[in-house]
């Protein structure tokens, strides 16, 4: 999360590579087993941070544009939502459904790259400039943050559903305003973008998988 510009061995920007391409490759390897499970669910942990950026298909790895840590994080989290949408479209006929979610704001080691001023961006500094407690910031505990992922993986309320974005143990609504606290941005649930990202991910990783093959 909001890591400085670093690249993996392939030269890809670290947040996009770690948060999306790694998930894409792992799911491809697991897909035969998921298919044989006759009712598997893939749960992609995104973030409300997806509202910070759409996918920059012309330069997702920051080769030609200045790297900005927050938009780079947002792009990777948008990719999580689009990946779940595309995966569900491809997998639903073979019993594999996919979901994405915002777990909530949580103090964890994920924040290790945050500078002090970055806590102000997420509303976690008080008037004295001190970092708030979990309760003061209105953040969730790690256990509370895990709840929506567990709900997506197990809830009977989601039987026959898929490709949806969830938060607070429920399917969320479409986010209309960029600064809204809840919901999902339209760019993250665009079927054309989901397909385009899938093709880009295949190209960047050299990994493809056919949902009809066991």
N, C-alpha and C. Protein backbone atom coordinates (compact mmCIF):
# COMPACT_ATOMS: atom_id res chain seq x y z
N UNK A 1 0.85 -1.20 0.00
CA UNK A 1 0.00 0.00 0.00
C UNK A 1 0.88 1.24 0.00
N UNK A 2 0.62 2.13 -0.98
CA UNK A 2 1.34 3.39 -1.21
C UNK A 2 2.85 3.22 -1.06
N UNK A 3 3.36 2.15 -1.60
CA UNK A 3 4.80 1.92 -1.58
C UNK A 3 5.50 2.87 -2.55
N UNK A 4 6.75 3.22 -2.26
CA UNK A 4 7.51 4.01 -3.24
C UNK A 4 7.71 3.19 -4.50
N UNK A 5 8.09 3.85 -5.57
CA UNK A 5 8.26 3.15 -6.84
C UNK A 5 9.33 2.08 -6.72
N UNK A 6 8.92 0.85 -6.83
CA UNK A 6 9.81 -0.30 -6.94
C UNK A 6 9.24 -1.20 -8.01
N UNK A 7 10.08 -2.05 -8.55
CA UNK A 7 9.65 -2.92 -9.65
C UNK A 7 10.00 -4.36 -9.35
N UNK A 8 9.16 -5.27 -9.87
CA UNK A 8 9.47 -6.68 -9.71
C UNK A 8 10.54 -7.07 -10.73
N UNK A 9 10.90 -8.35 -10.76
CA UNK A 9 11.97 -8.81 -11.65
C UNK A 9 11.65 -8.60 -13.12
N UNK A 10 10.35 -8.47 -13.43
CA UNK A 10 9.94 -8.24 -14.82
C UNK A 10 9.91 -6.76 -15.18
N UNK A 11 10.11 -5.92 -14.17
CA UNK A 11 10.07 -4.48 -14.41
C UNK A 11 8.71 -3.86 -14.18
N UNK A 12 7.76 -4.62 -13.63
CA UNK A 12 6.41 -4.11 -13.41
C UNK A 12 6.34 -3.36 -12.07
N UNK A 13 5.53 -2.32 -12.04
CA UNK A 13 5.34 -1.53 -10.82
C UNK A 13 4.82 -2.41 -9.69
N UNK A 14 5.39 -2.26 -8.51
CA UNK A 14 5.19 -3.24 -7.44
C UNK A 14 3.75 -3.36 -6.95
N UNK A 15 3.02 -2.25 -6.85
CA UNK A 15 1.66 -2.35 -6.33
C UNK A 15 0.74 -3.06 -7.32
N UNK A 16 0.87 -2.74 -8.59
CA UNK A 16 0.07 -3.40 -9.62
C UNK A 16 0.46 -4.88 -9.71
N UNK A 17 1.75 -5.15 -9.62
CA UNK A 17 2.24 -6.53 -9.71
C UNK A 17 1.81 -7.37 -8.51
N UNK A 18 2.00 -6.84 -7.31
CA UNK A 18 1.69 -7.60 -6.10
C UNK A 18 0.19 -7.73 -5.88
N UNK A 19 -0.53 -6.63 -6.00
CA UNK A 19 -1.95 -6.61 -5.64
C UNK A 19 -2.86 -7.18 -6.72
N UNK A 20 -2.40 -7.18 -7.97
CA UNK A 20 -3.25 -7.72 -9.03
C UNK A 20 -2.63 -8.88 -9.80
N UNK A 21 -1.48 -8.65 -10.42
CA UNK A 21 -0.92 -9.69 -11.29
C UNK A 21 -0.62 -10.97 -10.52
N UNK A 22 -0.16 -10.84 -9.29
CA UNK A 22 0.08 -12.02 -8.47
C UNK A 22 -1.20 -12.81 -8.21
N UNK A 23 -2.29 -12.10 -7.97
CA UNK A 23 -3.58 -12.76 -7.75
C UNK A 23 -4.05 -13.45 -9.03
N UNK A 24 -3.84 -12.79 -10.14
CA UNK A 24 -4.23 -13.35 -11.44
C UNK A 24 -3.49 -14.67 -11.68
N UNK A 25 -2.19 -14.66 -11.46
CA UNK A 25 -1.39 -15.86 -11.70
C UNK A 25 -1.75 -16.98 -10.73
N UNK A 26 -1.94 -16.65 -9.45
CA UNK A 26 -2.30 -17.67 -8.46
C UNK A 26 -3.63 -18.32 -8.81
N UNK A 27 -4.62 -17.51 -9.16
CA UNK A 27 -5.94 -18.05 -9.49
C UNK A 27 -5.88 -18.94 -10.72
N UNK A 28 -5.04 -18.56 -11.68
CA UNK A 28 -4.88 -19.40 -12.87
C UNK A 28 -4.35 -20.78 -12.49
N UNK A 29 -3.38 -20.82 -11.58
CA UNK A 29 -2.82 -22.10 -11.16
C UNK A 29 -3.84 -22.93 -10.38
N UNK A 30 -4.67 -22.26 -9.63
CA UNK A 30 -5.65 -22.95 -8.78
C UNK A 30 -6.93 -23.31 -9.51
N UNK A 31 -7.13 -22.75 -10.69
CA UNK A 31 -8.45 -22.87 -11.32
C UNK A 31 -8.91 -24.30 -11.56
N UNK A 32 -8.05 -25.23 -11.98
CA UNK A 32 -8.54 -26.61 -12.12
C UNK A 32 -9.14 -27.17 -10.84
N UNK A 33 -8.51 -26.87 -9.70
CA UNK A 33 -9.04 -27.34 -8.42
C UNK A 33 -10.34 -26.61 -8.07
N UNK A 34 -10.39 -25.32 -8.35
CA UNK A 34 -11.61 -24.56 -8.08
C UNK A 34 -12.77 -25.11 -8.90
N UNK A 35 -12.50 -25.42 -10.14
CA UNK A 35 -13.54 -25.95 -11.02
C UNK A 35 -14.06 -27.29 -10.51
N UNK A 36 -13.18 -28.13 -10.03
CA UNK A 36 -13.58 -29.45 -9.56
C UNK A 36 -14.30 -29.40 -8.22
N UNK A 37 -14.24 -28.26 -7.53
CA UNK A 37 -14.90 -28.14 -6.22
C UNK A 37 -16.42 -28.07 -6.33
N UNK A 38 -16.93 -27.78 -7.53
CA UNK A 38 -18.38 -27.71 -7.74
C UNK A 38 -19.06 -26.71 -6.79
N UNK A 39 -18.53 -25.52 -6.78
CA UNK A 39 -19.13 -24.48 -5.95
C UNK A 39 -18.11 -23.62 -5.24
N UNK A 40 -16.99 -23.34 -5.91
CA UNK A 40 -15.92 -22.54 -5.30
C UNK A 40 -16.21 -21.05 -5.39
N UNK A 41 -15.64 -20.32 -4.46
CA UNK A 41 -15.71 -18.86 -4.50
C UNK A 41 -14.30 -18.30 -4.41
N UNK A 42 -14.05 -17.28 -5.22
CA UNK A 42 -12.79 -16.55 -5.17
C UNK A 42 -13.11 -15.17 -4.61
N UNK A 43 -12.43 -14.79 -3.54
CA UNK A 43 -12.70 -13.53 -2.86
C UNK A 43 -11.50 -12.62 -3.02
N UNK A 44 -11.69 -11.47 -3.65
CA UNK A 44 -10.62 -10.52 -3.93
C UNK A 44 -10.74 -9.33 -2.97
N UNK A 45 -9.72 -9.12 -2.16
CA UNK A 45 -9.76 -8.02 -1.20
C UNK A 45 -9.29 -6.74 -1.89
N UNK A 46 -10.22 -5.88 -2.19
CA UNK A 46 -9.93 -4.59 -2.79
C UNK A 46 -9.89 -3.54 -1.68
N UNK A 47 -10.36 -2.36 -1.94
CA UNK A 47 -10.31 -1.28 -0.97
C UNK A 47 -11.16 -0.12 -1.47
N UNK A 48 -11.63 0.69 -0.53
CA UNK A 48 -12.26 1.95 -0.94
C UNK A 48 -11.26 2.82 -1.68
N UNK A 49 -9.97 2.49 -1.53
CA UNK A 49 -8.93 3.21 -2.26
C UNK A 49 -9.03 3.06 -3.76
N UNK A 50 -9.88 2.13 -4.24
CA UNK A 50 -10.03 2.00 -5.69
C UNK A 50 -10.56 3.28 -6.31
N UNK A 51 -11.18 4.13 -5.49
CA UNK A 51 -11.74 5.38 -6.04
C UNK A 51 -10.65 6.37 -6.43
N UNK A 52 -9.40 6.08 -6.06
CA UNK A 52 -8.30 6.99 -6.35
C UNK A 52 -7.83 6.93 -7.80
N UNK A 53 -8.13 5.82 -8.49
CA UNK A 53 -7.66 5.73 -9.86
C UNK A 53 -8.34 4.61 -10.63
N UNK A 54 -8.66 4.88 -11.86
CA UNK A 54 -9.04 3.87 -12.83
C UNK A 54 -7.76 3.17 -13.30
N UNK A 55 -7.88 2.18 -14.18
CA UNK A 55 -6.72 1.54 -14.78
C UNK A 55 -6.18 2.43 -15.90
N UNK A 56 -4.90 2.72 -15.87
CA UNK A 56 -4.26 3.47 -16.95
C UNK A 56 -3.70 2.44 -17.94
N UNK A 57 -4.54 2.00 -18.84
CA UNK A 57 -4.16 0.93 -19.75
C UNK A 57 -2.98 1.31 -20.64
N UNK A 58 -2.81 2.59 -20.91
CA UNK A 58 -1.71 3.01 -21.78
C UNK A 58 -0.36 2.92 -21.07
N UNK A 59 -0.37 2.92 -19.72
CA UNK A 59 0.89 2.88 -18.98
C UNK A 59 0.65 2.42 -17.54
N UNK A 60 0.19 1.18 -17.35
CA UNK A 60 -0.13 0.72 -15.99
C UNK A 60 1.09 0.59 -15.09
N UNK A 61 2.26 0.45 -15.68
CA UNK A 61 3.47 0.23 -14.89
C UNK A 61 4.37 1.47 -14.76
N UNK A 62 3.81 2.61 -15.07
CA UNK A 62 4.52 3.87 -14.86
C UNK A 62 5.88 3.91 -15.56
N UNK A 63 5.88 3.54 -16.80
CA UNK A 63 7.10 3.69 -17.59
C UNK A 63 7.25 5.10 -18.14
N UNK A 64 6.14 5.76 -18.42
CA UNK A 64 6.18 7.03 -19.13
C UNK A 64 5.54 8.18 -18.34
N UNK A 65 4.91 7.91 -17.24
CA UNK A 65 4.28 8.97 -16.44
C UNK A 65 4.89 8.98 -15.05
N UNK A 66 4.85 10.12 -14.38
CA UNK A 66 5.42 10.18 -13.03
C UNK A 66 4.69 9.24 -12.08
N UNK A 67 5.43 8.55 -11.25
CA UNK A 67 4.82 7.64 -10.29
C UNK A 67 4.24 8.43 -9.12
N UNK A 68 3.00 8.13 -8.79
CA UNK A 68 2.33 8.71 -7.63
C UNK A 68 1.81 7.56 -6.78
N UNK A 69 2.22 7.52 -5.53
CA UNK A 69 1.96 6.33 -4.71
C UNK A 69 0.48 6.08 -4.45
N UNK A 70 -0.28 7.14 -4.21
CA UNK A 70 -1.70 6.93 -3.92
C UNK A 70 -2.48 6.49 -5.16
N UNK A 71 -2.37 7.18 -6.30
CA UNK A 71 -3.05 6.68 -7.51
C UNK A 71 -2.57 5.29 -7.92
N UNK A 72 -1.30 4.98 -7.71
CA UNK A 72 -0.80 3.64 -8.06
C UNK A 72 -1.49 2.58 -7.20
N UNK A 73 -1.68 2.89 -5.93
CA UNK A 73 -2.41 1.97 -5.06
C UNK A 73 -3.86 1.85 -5.52
N UNK A 74 -4.47 3.00 -5.84
CA UNK A 74 -5.85 2.98 -6.30
C UNK A 74 -6.03 2.16 -7.56
N UNK A 75 -5.10 2.28 -8.50
CA UNK A 75 -5.17 1.49 -9.72
C UNK A 75 -5.15 -0.01 -9.41
N UNK A 76 -4.28 -0.42 -8.49
CA UNK A 76 -4.19 -1.84 -8.16
C UNK A 76 -5.45 -2.36 -7.50
N UNK A 77 -6.11 -1.49 -6.73
CA UNK A 77 -7.35 -1.90 -6.05
C UNK A 77 -8.54 -1.90 -7.01
N UNK A 78 -8.54 -1.01 -7.99
CA UNK A 78 -9.53 -1.08 -9.07
C UNK A 78 -9.36 -2.39 -9.84
N UNK A 79 -8.11 -2.78 -10.05
CA UNK A 79 -7.83 -4.02 -10.76
C UNK A 79 -8.42 -5.22 -10.02
N UNK A 80 -8.41 -5.20 -8.69
CA UNK A 80 -9.01 -6.30 -7.93
C UNK A 80 -10.50 -6.44 -8.22
N UNK A 81 -11.20 -5.31 -8.30
CA UNK A 81 -12.64 -5.34 -8.55
C UNK A 81 -12.92 -5.83 -9.97
N UNK A 82 -12.18 -5.31 -10.93
CA UNK A 82 -12.37 -5.72 -12.32
C UNK A 82 -12.00 -7.18 -12.53
N UNK A 83 -10.99 -7.66 -11.84
CA UNK A 83 -10.60 -9.06 -11.95
C UNK A 83 -11.72 -9.97 -11.46
N UNK A 84 -12.33 -9.63 -10.32
CA UNK A 84 -13.43 -10.44 -9.81
C UNK A 84 -14.60 -10.46 -10.79
N UNK A 85 -14.86 -9.31 -11.38
CA UNK A 85 -15.97 -9.22 -12.35
C UNK A 85 -15.71 -10.12 -13.55
N UNK A 86 -14.49 -10.05 -14.11
CA UNK A 86 -14.16 -10.86 -15.29
C UNK A 86 -14.11 -12.35 -14.94
N UNK A 87 -13.53 -12.66 -13.79
CA UNK A 87 -13.41 -14.06 -13.39
C UNK A 87 -14.79 -14.68 -13.18
N UNK A 88 -15.70 -13.92 -12.58
CA UNK A 88 -17.04 -14.45 -12.37
C UNK A 88 -17.75 -14.70 -13.69
N UNK A 89 -17.56 -13.80 -14.63
CA UNK A 89 -18.17 -13.97 -15.95
C UNK A 89 -17.68 -15.24 -16.62
N UNK A 90 -16.38 -15.51 -16.49
CA UNK A 90 -15.80 -16.69 -17.13
C UNK A 90 -16.06 -17.97 -16.35
N UNK A 91 -16.17 -17.86 -15.03
CA UNK A 91 -16.24 -19.05 -14.22
C UNK A 91 -17.61 -19.51 -13.78
N UNK A 92 -18.63 -18.68 -13.90
CA UNK A 92 -19.92 -19.03 -13.32
C UNK A 92 -20.54 -20.28 -13.94
N UNK A 93 -20.27 -20.53 -15.22
CA UNK A 93 -20.85 -21.71 -15.86
C UNK A 93 -20.21 -23.01 -15.42
N UNK A 94 -19.05 -22.91 -14.75
CA UNK A 94 -18.40 -24.12 -14.23
C UNK A 94 -18.36 -24.11 -12.71
N UNK A 95 -19.22 -23.30 -12.10
CA UNK A 95 -19.38 -23.33 -10.65
C UNK A 95 -18.39 -22.51 -9.86
N UNK A 96 -17.70 -21.59 -10.51
CA UNK A 96 -16.76 -20.72 -9.80
C UNK A 96 -17.29 -19.30 -9.83
N UNK A 97 -17.56 -18.76 -8.65
CA UNK A 97 -18.05 -17.38 -8.54
C UNK A 97 -16.97 -16.53 -7.88
N UNK A 98 -16.97 -15.25 -8.18
CA UNK A 98 -15.94 -14.36 -7.65
C UNK A 98 -16.57 -13.09 -7.09
N UNK A 99 -15.96 -12.57 -6.05
CA UNK A 99 -16.45 -11.38 -5.35
C UNK A 99 -15.26 -10.48 -5.02
N UNK A 100 -15.51 -9.19 -4.92
CA UNK A 100 -14.50 -8.25 -4.43
C UNK A 100 -15.10 -7.48 -3.26
N UNK A 101 -14.23 -6.87 -2.47
CA UNK A 101 -14.74 -6.23 -1.26
C UNK A 101 -13.79 -5.16 -0.74
N UNK A 102 -14.37 -4.28 0.06
CA UNK A 102 -13.62 -3.33 0.88
C UNK A 102 -13.71 -3.82 2.32
N UNK A 103 -12.58 -4.16 2.95
CA UNK A 103 -12.65 -4.69 4.32
C UNK A 103 -12.90 -3.62 5.36
N UNK A 104 -12.65 -2.36 5.02
CA UNK A 104 -12.72 -1.28 5.99
C UNK A 104 -11.32 -0.76 6.27
N UNK A 105 -11.23 0.40 6.88
CA UNK A 105 -9.94 0.97 7.26
C UNK A 105 -9.47 0.30 8.55
N UNK A 106 -8.23 -0.19 8.55
CA UNK A 106 -7.72 -0.99 9.66
C UNK A 106 -6.25 -0.64 9.87
N UNK A 107 -5.83 -0.49 11.12
CA UNK A 107 -4.42 -0.31 11.42
C UNK A 107 -3.73 -1.67 11.40
N UNK A 108 -2.93 -1.92 10.38
CA UNK A 108 -2.15 -3.16 10.27
C UNK A 108 -0.78 -2.81 9.68
N UNK A 109 0.13 -3.78 9.62
CA UNK A 109 1.44 -3.51 8.99
C UNK A 109 1.35 -3.13 7.51
N UNK A 110 0.16 -3.24 6.91
CA UNK A 110 -0.01 -2.77 5.54
C UNK A 110 0.34 -1.29 5.43
N UNK A 111 0.25 -0.58 6.53
CA UNK A 111 0.48 0.87 6.54
C UNK A 111 1.96 1.22 6.70
N UNK A 112 2.85 0.25 6.61
CA UNK A 112 4.25 0.49 6.93
C UNK A 112 4.93 1.53 6.05
N UNK A 113 4.40 1.78 4.86
CA UNK A 113 5.00 2.77 3.97
C UNK A 113 4.41 4.17 4.16
N UNK A 114 3.44 4.30 5.04
CA UNK A 114 2.77 5.59 5.20
C UNK A 114 3.64 6.56 5.98
N UNK A 115 3.85 7.74 5.40
CA UNK A 115 4.48 8.83 6.13
C UNK A 115 3.46 9.41 7.10
N UNK A 116 3.94 10.19 8.04
CA UNK A 116 3.03 10.74 9.05
C UNK A 116 1.89 11.52 8.41
N UNK A 117 2.22 12.32 7.40
CA UNK A 117 1.17 13.14 6.77
C UNK A 117 0.14 12.30 6.02
N UNK A 118 0.54 11.08 5.63
CA UNK A 118 -0.40 10.21 4.93
C UNK A 118 -1.56 9.78 5.83
N UNK A 119 -1.32 9.75 7.13
CA UNK A 119 -2.41 9.40 8.04
C UNK A 119 -3.52 10.46 7.99
N UNK A 120 -3.14 11.68 7.66
CA UNK A 120 -4.15 12.72 7.50
C UNK A 120 -5.02 12.47 6.29
N UNK A 121 -4.44 11.88 5.25
CA UNK A 121 -5.20 11.57 4.02
C UNK A 121 -6.35 10.62 4.33
N UNK A 122 -6.12 9.69 5.25
CA UNK A 122 -7.16 8.70 5.59
C UNK A 122 -7.93 9.10 6.84
N UNK A 123 -7.77 10.33 7.28
CA UNK A 123 -8.54 10.82 8.42
C UNK A 123 -8.12 10.28 9.76
N UNK A 124 -6.84 9.92 9.89
CA UNK A 124 -6.39 9.27 11.12
C UNK A 124 -5.50 10.16 11.97
N UNK A 125 -5.49 11.48 11.72
CA UNK A 125 -4.76 12.42 12.56
C UNK A 125 -5.75 13.33 13.29
N UNK A 126 -5.47 13.58 14.55
CA UNK A 126 -6.33 14.48 15.30
C UNK A 126 -5.89 15.93 15.08
N UNK A 127 -6.53 16.87 15.76
CA UNK A 127 -6.23 18.29 15.56
C UNK A 127 -4.82 18.64 15.98
N UNK A 128 -4.24 17.86 16.85
CA UNK A 128 -2.86 18.08 17.30
C UNK A 128 -1.84 17.41 16.38
N UNK A 129 -2.33 16.75 15.33
CA UNK A 129 -1.43 16.08 14.41
C UNK A 129 -0.95 14.73 14.89
N UNK A 130 -1.63 14.19 15.91
CA UNK A 130 -1.27 12.88 16.44
C UNK A 130 -2.13 11.80 15.79
N UNK A 131 -1.56 10.61 15.66
CA UNK A 131 -2.30 9.49 15.07
C UNK A 131 -3.39 9.03 16.05
N UNK A 132 -4.59 8.96 15.58
CA UNK A 132 -5.73 8.56 16.41
C UNK A 132 -5.67 7.07 16.76
N UNK A 133 -6.40 6.70 17.78
CA UNK A 133 -6.58 5.29 18.08
C UNK A 133 -7.56 4.71 17.07
N UNK A 134 -7.67 3.39 17.06
CA UNK A 134 -8.62 2.73 16.16
C UNK A 134 -10.03 3.28 16.35
N UNK A 135 -10.45 3.40 17.60
CA UNK A 135 -11.81 3.88 17.88
C UNK A 135 -11.97 5.34 17.47
N UNK A 136 -10.98 6.17 17.78
CA UNK A 136 -11.06 7.59 17.44
C UNK A 136 -11.12 7.82 15.93
N UNK A 137 -10.39 7.00 15.20
CA UNK A 137 -10.36 7.15 13.74
C UNK A 137 -11.57 6.54 13.07
N UNK A 138 -12.37 5.77 13.84
CA UNK A 138 -13.51 5.08 13.24
C UNK A 138 -13.09 3.90 12.40
N UNK A 139 -11.89 3.38 12.68
CA UNK A 139 -11.38 2.24 11.93
C UNK A 139 -11.94 0.94 12.53
N UNK A 140 -11.72 -0.14 11.82
CA UNK A 140 -12.13 -1.46 12.29
C UNK A 140 -10.94 -2.18 12.92
N UNK A 141 -11.24 -3.16 13.76
CA UNK A 141 -10.21 -4.06 14.24
C UNK A 141 -9.90 -5.05 13.12
N UNK A 142 -8.76 -5.74 13.17
CA UNK A 142 -8.50 -6.76 12.15
C UNK A 142 -9.60 -7.81 12.05
N UNK A 143 -10.17 -8.18 13.20
CA UNK A 143 -11.25 -9.17 13.18
C UNK A 143 -12.48 -8.63 12.46
N UNK A 144 -12.82 -7.38 12.73
CA UNK A 144 -13.95 -6.77 12.04
C UNK A 144 -13.65 -6.62 10.55
N UNK A 145 -12.39 -6.31 10.23
CA UNK A 145 -12.01 -6.16 8.84
C UNK A 145 -12.09 -7.45 8.06
N UNK A 146 -11.90 -8.58 8.75
CA UNK A 146 -11.96 -9.88 8.09
C UNK A 146 -13.39 -10.33 7.82
N UNK A 147 -14.35 -9.71 8.48
CA UNK A 147 -15.72 -10.21 8.45
C UNK A 147 -16.31 -10.26 7.05
N UNK A 148 -16.11 -9.22 6.25
CA UNK A 148 -16.72 -9.20 4.93
C UNK A 148 -16.10 -10.24 4.01
N UNK A 149 -14.80 -10.48 4.14
CA UNK A 149 -14.16 -11.53 3.34
C UNK A 149 -14.73 -12.91 3.70
N UNK A 150 -14.92 -13.15 4.99
CA UNK A 150 -15.51 -14.42 5.42
C UNK A 150 -16.95 -14.53 4.93
N UNK A 151 -17.68 -13.42 5.00
CA UNK A 151 -19.07 -13.41 4.53
C UNK A 151 -19.13 -13.73 3.04
N UNK A 152 -18.25 -13.12 2.26
CA UNK A 152 -18.23 -13.40 0.81
C UNK A 152 -17.92 -14.86 0.53
N UNK A 153 -17.06 -15.44 1.34
CA UNK A 153 -16.64 -16.82 1.11
C UNK A 153 -17.69 -17.84 1.53
N UNK A 154 -18.57 -17.47 2.46
CA UNK A 154 -19.43 -18.48 3.07
C UNK A 154 -20.93 -18.18 3.07
N UNK A 155 -21.34 -16.94 2.89
CA UNK A 155 -22.74 -16.60 3.12
C UNK A 155 -23.68 -17.23 2.10
N UNK A 156 -24.74 -17.89 2.58
CA UNK A 156 -25.76 -18.40 1.65
C UNK A 156 -26.51 -17.29 0.94
N UNK A 157 -26.42 -16.05 1.46
CA UNK A 157 -27.09 -14.93 0.79
C UNK A 157 -26.49 -14.65 -0.59
N UNK A 158 -25.30 -15.16 -0.83
CA UNK A 158 -24.65 -14.92 -2.12
C UNK A 158 -24.76 -16.09 -3.07
N UNK A 159 -25.53 -17.09 -2.71
CA UNK A 159 -25.74 -18.21 -3.62
C UNK A 159 -26.35 -17.71 -4.93
N UNK A 160 -25.76 -18.11 -6.03
CA UNK A 160 -26.27 -17.68 -7.32
C UNK A 160 -25.87 -16.28 -7.71
N UNK A 161 -25.05 -15.63 -6.87
CA UNK A 161 -24.59 -14.28 -7.17
C UNK A 161 -23.09 -14.32 -7.47
N UNK A 162 -22.58 -13.26 -8.02
CA UNK A 162 -21.15 -13.18 -8.28
C UNK A 162 -20.81 -11.90 -9.00
N UNK A 163 -19.52 -11.56 -8.99
CA UNK A 163 -19.05 -10.37 -9.68
C UNK A 163 -19.42 -9.07 -9.00
N UNK A 164 -19.88 -9.15 -7.75
CA UNK A 164 -20.33 -7.95 -7.04
C UNK A 164 -19.27 -7.47 -6.05
N UNK A 165 -19.35 -6.20 -5.70
CA UNK A 165 -18.44 -5.56 -4.75
C UNK A 165 -19.18 -5.41 -3.43
N UNK A 166 -18.52 -5.82 -2.35
CA UNK A 166 -19.18 -5.87 -1.05
C UNK A 166 -18.43 -5.06 0.00
N UNK A 167 -19.16 -4.63 1.01
CA UNK A 167 -18.58 -4.01 2.19
C UNK A 167 -19.56 -4.13 3.33
N UNK A 168 -19.03 -4.22 4.55
CA UNK A 168 -19.86 -4.35 5.74
C UNK A 168 -20.84 -5.52 5.62
N UNK A 169 -20.33 -6.64 5.12
CA UNK A 169 -21.12 -7.88 4.99
C UNK A 169 -22.40 -7.67 4.20
N UNK A 170 -22.28 -6.98 3.09
CA UNK A 170 -23.43 -6.75 2.21
C UNK A 170 -22.90 -6.35 0.83
N UNK A 171 -23.76 -6.49 -0.17
CA UNK A 171 -23.43 -5.99 -1.50
C UNK A 171 -23.60 -4.48 -1.49
N UNK A 172 -22.63 -3.76 -1.99
CA UNK A 172 -22.67 -2.31 -1.90
C UNK A 172 -23.41 -1.69 -3.09
N UNK A 173 -23.50 -0.40 -3.06
CA UNK A 173 -24.19 0.34 -4.11
C UNK A 173 -23.18 1.00 -5.03
N UNK A 174 -23.65 1.47 -6.17
CA UNK A 174 -22.80 2.18 -7.10
C UNK A 174 -22.47 3.56 -6.52
N UNK A 175 -21.19 3.86 -6.53
CA UNK A 175 -20.73 5.13 -5.99
C UNK A 175 -20.85 6.20 -7.06
N UNK A 176 -21.56 7.27 -6.77
CA UNK A 176 -21.78 8.33 -7.75
C UNK A 176 -20.73 9.43 -7.60
N UNK A 177 -20.41 9.83 -6.37
CA UNK A 177 -19.46 10.90 -6.14
C UNK A 177 -18.11 10.32 -5.74
N UNK A 178 -17.05 10.88 -6.26
CA UNK A 178 -15.72 10.34 -6.02
C UNK A 178 -15.34 10.35 -4.56
N UNK A 179 -15.83 11.33 -3.78
CA UNK A 179 -15.44 11.42 -2.38
C UNK A 179 -16.43 10.73 -1.46
N UNK A 180 -17.36 9.95 -2.01
CA UNK A 180 -18.30 9.21 -1.17
C UNK A 180 -17.55 8.16 -0.36
N UNK A 181 -18.05 7.88 0.83
CA UNK A 181 -17.35 6.97 1.73
C UNK A 181 -17.67 5.51 1.45
N UNK A 182 -18.78 5.26 0.80
CA UNK A 182 -19.19 3.88 0.56
C UNK A 182 -19.57 3.71 -0.91
N UNK A 183 -19.57 2.46 -1.35
CA UNK A 183 -19.98 2.15 -2.70
C UNK A 183 -18.79 1.88 -3.61
N UNK A 184 -19.10 1.61 -4.86
CA UNK A 184 -18.07 1.26 -5.84
C UNK A 184 -18.14 2.21 -7.02
N UNK A 185 -16.98 2.62 -7.49
CA UNK A 185 -16.94 3.55 -8.61
C UNK A 185 -17.36 2.86 -9.90
N UNK A 186 -18.06 3.55 -10.80
CA UNK A 186 -18.51 2.94 -12.06
C UNK A 186 -17.37 2.34 -12.87
N UNK A 187 -16.18 2.96 -12.83
CA UNK A 187 -15.08 2.43 -13.64
C UNK A 187 -14.61 1.05 -13.17
N UNK A 188 -14.92 0.71 -11.93
CA UNK A 188 -14.48 -0.58 -11.39
C UNK A 188 -15.46 -1.71 -11.67
N UNK A 189 -16.60 -1.40 -12.21
CA UNK A 189 -17.59 -2.43 -12.52
C UNK A 189 -17.99 -2.37 -14.00
N UNK A 190 -17.08 -1.91 -14.80
CA UNK A 190 -17.31 -1.79 -16.24
C UNK A 190 -16.87 -3.07 -16.92
N UNK A 191 -17.79 -3.77 -17.56
CA UNK A 191 -17.50 -5.08 -18.14
C UNK A 191 -16.43 -4.99 -19.23
N UNK A 192 -16.46 -3.93 -20.02
CA UNK A 192 -15.46 -3.77 -21.08
C UNK A 192 -14.06 -3.61 -20.49
N UNK A 193 -13.96 -2.81 -19.44
CA UNK A 193 -12.66 -2.62 -18.78
C UNK A 193 -12.18 -3.92 -18.14
N UNK A 194 -13.11 -4.68 -17.57
CA UNK A 194 -12.74 -5.96 -16.96
C UNK A 194 -12.15 -6.90 -17.99
N UNK A 195 -12.77 -6.96 -19.16
CA UNK A 195 -12.26 -7.81 -20.24
C UNK A 195 -10.90 -7.30 -20.73
N UNK A 196 -10.76 -6.00 -20.85
CA UNK A 196 -9.51 -5.40 -21.33
C UNK A 196 -8.38 -5.68 -20.34
N UNK A 197 -8.68 -5.57 -19.03
CA UNK A 197 -7.67 -5.85 -18.02
C UNK A 197 -7.27 -7.32 -18.04
N UNK A 198 -8.23 -8.21 -18.26
CA UNK A 198 -7.94 -9.63 -18.33
C UNK A 198 -6.93 -9.91 -19.45
N UNK A 199 -7.18 -9.34 -20.61
CA UNK A 199 -6.29 -9.55 -21.75
C UNK A 199 -4.90 -8.95 -21.47
N UNK A 200 -4.87 -7.79 -20.84
CA UNK A 200 -3.60 -7.17 -20.48
C UNK A 200 -2.84 -8.04 -19.48
N UNK A 201 -3.56 -8.60 -18.53
CA UNK A 201 -2.93 -9.45 -17.51
C UNK A 201 -2.34 -10.71 -18.14
N UNK A 202 -3.05 -11.29 -19.09
CA UNK A 202 -2.50 -12.45 -19.81
C UNK A 202 -1.22 -12.07 -20.54
N UNK A 203 -1.24 -10.91 -21.15
CA UNK A 203 -0.07 -10.44 -21.91
C UNK A 203 1.11 -10.20 -20.99
N UNK A 204 0.89 -9.55 -19.86
CA UNK A 204 1.98 -9.20 -18.96
C UNK A 204 2.56 -10.41 -18.23
N UNK A 205 1.72 -11.39 -17.94
CA UNK A 205 2.19 -12.55 -17.16
C UNK A 205 2.54 -13.74 -18.02
N UNK A 206 2.04 -13.78 -19.25
CA UNK A 206 2.22 -14.96 -20.08
C UNK A 206 1.40 -16.14 -19.60
N UNK A 207 0.39 -15.88 -18.79
CA UNK A 207 -0.46 -16.92 -18.21
C UNK A 207 -1.86 -16.80 -18.76
N UNK A 208 -2.41 -17.89 -19.25
CA UNK A 208 -3.80 -17.94 -19.66
C UNK A 208 -4.46 -19.14 -19.01
N UNK A 209 -5.75 -19.07 -18.82
CA UNK A 209 -6.47 -20.27 -18.38
C UNK A 209 -7.86 -20.30 -18.95
N UNK A 210 -8.25 -21.50 -19.36
CA UNK A 210 -9.54 -21.72 -19.99
C UNK A 210 -10.48 -22.31 -18.96
N UNK A 211 -11.53 -21.57 -18.58
CA UNK A 211 -12.45 -22.08 -17.56
C UNK A 211 -13.09 -23.41 -17.92
N UNK A 212 -13.14 -23.77 -19.19
CA UNK A 212 -13.78 -25.02 -19.58
C UNK A 212 -12.85 -26.22 -19.48
N UNK A 213 -11.57 -25.98 -19.18
CA UNK A 213 -10.63 -27.08 -19.06
C UNK A 213 -10.40 -27.43 -17.60
N UNK A 214 -10.49 -28.70 -17.25
CA UNK A 214 -10.29 -29.14 -15.87
C UNK A 214 -8.81 -29.36 -15.60
